[in-house]
C-alpha atoms as a PDB file:
ATOM      1  CA  MET A   1     -85.862  62.608 160.700  1.00  0.00           C
ATOM      2  CA  PRO A   2     -87.017  63.123 157.063  1.00  0.00           C
ATOM      3  CA  PRO A   3     -90.238  61.232 156.229  1.00  0.00           C
ATOM      4  CA  ARG A   4     -88.566  58.843 153.762  1.00  0.00           C
ATOM      5  CA  LYS A   5     -85.895  57.813 156.272  1.00  0.00           C
ATOM      6  CA  LEU A   6     -88.523  57.390 158.973  1.00  0.00           C
ATOM      7  CA  LEU A   7     -90.553  55.087 156.711  1.00  0.00           C
ATOM      8  CA  LYS A   8     -87.453  53.049 155.900  1.00  0.00           C
ATOM      9  CA  LYS A   9     -86.490  52.796 159.572  1.00  0.00           C
ATOM     10  CA  ARG A  10     -89.952  51.433 160.366  1.00  0.00           C
ATOM     11  CA  GLY A  11     -89.645  48.868 157.564  1.00  0.00           C
ATOM     12  CA  ILE A  12     -92.207  50.583 155.362  1.00  0.00           C
ATOM     13  CA  MET A  13     -91.269  50.811 151.694  1.00  0.00           C
ATOM     14  CA  ALA A  14     -91.822  54.187 150.097  1.00  0.00           C
ATOM     15  CA  LYS A  15     -93.690  54.127 146.794  1.00  0.00           C
ATOM     16  CA  VAL A  16     -92.342  55.852 143.700  1.00  0.00           C
ATOM     17  CA  PHE A  17     -94.703  57.981 141.621  1.00  0.00           C
ATOM     18  CA  LEU A  18     -93.788  59.238 138.167  1.00  0.00           C
ATOM     19  CA  ASP A  19     -96.146  61.538 136.304  1.00  0.00           C
ATOM     20  CA  GLY A  20     -95.729  63.634 133.213  1.00  0.00           C
ATOM     21  CA  LEU A  21     -95.786  63.847 129.467  1.00  0.00           C
ATOM     22  CA  LEU A  22     -94.253  62.021 126.543  1.00  0.00           C
ATOM     23  CA  VAL A  23     -94.280  64.225 123.444  1.00  0.00           C
ATOM     24  CA  ALA A  24     -94.031  63.219 119.795  1.00  0.00           C
ATOM     25  CA  THR A  25     -92.657  66.311 118.067  1.00  0.00           C
ATOM     26  CA  THR A  26     -92.209  64.728 114.630  1.00  0.00           C
ATOM     27  CA  ALA A  27     -93.951  62.141 112.468  1.00  0.00           C
ATOM     28  CA  ALA A  28     -91.045  59.782 113.175  1.00  0.00           C
ATOM     29  CA  ASP A  29     -91.584  60.212 116.937  1.00  0.00           C
ATOM     30  CA  ARG A  30     -95.259  59.397 116.512  1.00  0.00           C
ATOM     31  CA  ALA A  31     -94.391  56.294 114.496  1.00  0.00           C
ATOM     32  CA  VAL A  32     -92.119  55.082 117.325  1.00  0.00           C
ATOM     33  CA  ILE A  33     -94.945  55.497 119.826  1.00  0.00           C
ATOM     34  CA  ASP A  34     -97.466  53.782 117.570  1.00  0.00           C
ATOM     35  CA  LEU A  35     -95.162  50.832 116.872  1.00  0.00           C
ATOM     36  CA  TYR A  36     -93.503  50.219 120.244  1.00  0.00           C
ATOM     37  CA  LEU A  37     -95.448  51.718 123.141  1.00  0.00           C
ATOM     38  CA  GLU A  38     -98.053  48.964 123.526  1.00  0.00           C
ATOM     39  CA  ASP A  39     -95.382  46.286 124.067  1.00  0.00           C
ATOM     40  CA  HIS A  40     -93.540  48.546 126.518  1.00  0.00           C
ATOM     41  CA  ILE A  41     -96.735  48.998 128.536  1.00  0.00           C
ATOM     42  CA  THR A  42     -97.387  45.243 128.604  1.00  0.00           C
ATOM     43  CA  LEU A  43     -93.836  44.426 129.705  1.00  0.00           C
ATOM     44  CA  THR A  44     -93.826  47.149 132.358  1.00  0.00           C
ATOM     45  CA  ARG A  45     -97.140  46.066 133.882  1.00  0.00           C
ATOM     46  CA  ALA A  46     -95.686  42.545 134.246  1.00  0.00           C
ATOM     47  CA  GLU A  47     -92.662  43.782 136.220  1.00  0.00           C
ATOM     48  CA  PRO A  48     -92.400  42.984 139.932  1.00  0.00           C
ATOM     49  CA  GLY A  49     -93.395  46.046 141.937  1.00  0.00           C
ATOM     50  CA  CYS A  50     -95.371  47.782 139.195  1.00  0.00           C
ATOM     51  CA  MET A  51     -98.602  48.936 140.793  1.00  0.00           C
ATOM     52  CA  LYS A  52     -99.768  51.245 138.003  1.00  0.00           C
ATOM     53  CA  PHE A  53     -98.532  52.071 134.527  1.00  0.00           C
ATOM     54  CA  GLU A  54    -100.806  54.122 132.309  1.00  0.00           C
ATOM     55  CA  VAL A  55    -100.062  55.983 129.112  1.00  0.00           C
ATOM     56  CA  PHE A  56    -102.739  57.619 127.005  1.00  0.00           C
ATOM     57  CA  GLU A  57    -102.894  60.333 124.399  1.00  0.00           C
ATOM     58  CA  ASP A  58    -104.209  63.634 125.715  1.00  0.00           C
ATOM     59  CA  PRO A  59    -107.638  63.981 124.070  1.00  0.00           C
ATOM     60  CA  LYS A  60    -107.096  67.722 123.604  1.00  0.00           C
ATOM     61  CA  LYS A  61    -103.455  67.672 122.458  1.00  0.00           C
ATOM     62  CA  ARG A  62    -102.527  65.357 119.622  1.00  0.00           C
ATOM     63  CA  ASN A  63     -99.114  63.708 120.008  1.00  0.00           C
ATOM     64  CA  VAL A  64     -98.934  64.458 123.738  1.00  0.00           C
ATOM     65  CA  PHE A  65     -99.161  61.359 125.928  1.00  0.00           C
ATOM     66  CA  VAL A  66     -99.957  61.435 129.630  1.00  0.00           C
ATOM     67  CA  VAL A  67     -97.856  59.039 131.696  1.00  0.00           C
ATOM     68  CA  SER A  68     -98.639  57.887 135.236  1.00  0.00           C
ATOM     69  CA  GLU A  69     -96.598  55.246 137.061  1.00  0.00           C
ATOM     70  CA  ILE A  70     -96.504  53.840 140.583  1.00  0.00           C
ATOM     71  CA  PHE A  71     -93.906  51.354 141.791  1.00  0.00           C
ATOM     72  CA  ASP A  72     -93.940  49.779 145.236  1.00  0.00           C
ATOM     73  CA  SER A  73     -90.334  50.736 146.041  1.00  0.00           C
ATOM     74  CA  GLU A  74     -87.323  52.613 144.756  1.00  0.00           C
ATOM     75  CA  SER A  75     -85.606  49.332 143.955  1.00  0.00           C
ATOM     76  CA  SER A  76     -88.567  48.225 141.794  1.00  0.00           C
ATOM     77  CA  PHE A  77     -88.565  51.591 140.043  1.00  0.00           C
ATOM     78  CA  ASP A  78     -84.798  51.425 139.479  1.00  0.00           C
ATOM     79  CA  ALA A  79     -85.126  47.914 138.019  1.00  0.00           C
ATOM     80  CA  HIS A  80     -87.861  49.215 135.699  1.00  0.00           C
ATOM     81  CA  GLN A  81     -85.646  52.074 134.565  1.00  0.00           C
ATOM     82  CA  GLU A  82     -82.784  49.681 133.846  1.00  0.00           C
ATOM     83  CA  ARG A  83     -85.000  47.238 131.944  1.00  0.00           C
ATOM     84  CA  SER A  84     -86.576  50.052 129.957  1.00  0.00           C
ATOM     85  CA  LYS A  85     -83.247  51.616 129.056  1.00  0.00           C
ATOM     86  CA  ASN A  86     -81.963  48.309 127.682  1.00  0.00           C
ATOM     87  CA  SER A  87     -85.174  47.318 125.903  1.00  0.00           C
ATOM     88  CA  GLU A  88     -86.186  47.865 122.304  1.00  0.00           C
ATOM     89  CA  TRP A  89     -88.477  50.672 123.514  1.00  0.00           C
ATOM     90  CA  GLY A  90     -85.566  52.305 125.336  1.00  0.00           C
ATOM     91  CA  LYS A  91     -83.445  52.309 122.233  1.00  0.00           C
ATOM     92  CA  VAL A  92     -86.043  53.537 119.740  1.00  0.00           C
ATOM     93  CA  SER A  93     -87.649  56.102 122.070  1.00  0.00           C
ATOM     94  CA  GLU A  94     -84.425  57.647 123.307  1.00  0.00           C
ATOM     95  CA  LYS A  95     -85.006  60.946 121.490  1.00  0.00           C
ATOM     96  CA  LEU A  96     -88.656  61.431 122.503  1.00  0.00           C
ATOM     97  CA  GLU A  97     -89.297  64.507 124.609  1.00  0.00           C
ATOM     98  CA  ARG A  98     -90.088  63.584 128.209  1.00  0.00           C
ATOM     99  CA  LYS A  99     -91.421  65.916 130.896  1.00  0.00           C
ATOM    100  CA  PHE A 100     -91.662  63.840 134.069  1.00  0.00           C
ATOM    101  CA  THR A 101     -91.853  64.525 137.772  1.00  0.00           C
ATOM    102  CA  LYS A 102     -90.817  61.831 140.233  1.00  0.00           C
ATOM    103  CA  ARG A 103     -91.793  61.736 143.882  1.00  0.00           C
ATOM    104  CA  VAL A 104     -91.250  59.195 146.631  1.00  0.00           C
ATOM    105  CA  GLU A 105     -93.777  58.808 149.444  1.00  0.00           C
END
C-alpha cells in the first residue's frame, strides 16, 4: 500500500509541504508584493491547519522570495488555496511567477 494511503488508513493525517520561489520580474510585480504580501502572510498564519508559512526575500537575489509552507492536512491546504485564490492577494498576485514544489508526507 502506498505510504499516503497507509497513513490515511491508520487515521494519521499527512502533512502538506510547499516550498519554492515567488519572483517579481517587473517593478509592478515588486509593488504588488510590497503592498499585499504582509496581509496575505498574516491571514494565512491564522488559518486552521497552517503550521508554518514563511516568505522572505532571498538575501542574494533581489526580487526573489523564498516560500515555505506546512499545512496539517490536504484539506487544510486545499482550503488555504481556495481562500488565497479568492482573496485580494490572489487577484493582484495572479501574474507573479511561481516556482513551487508540493509534497505530502
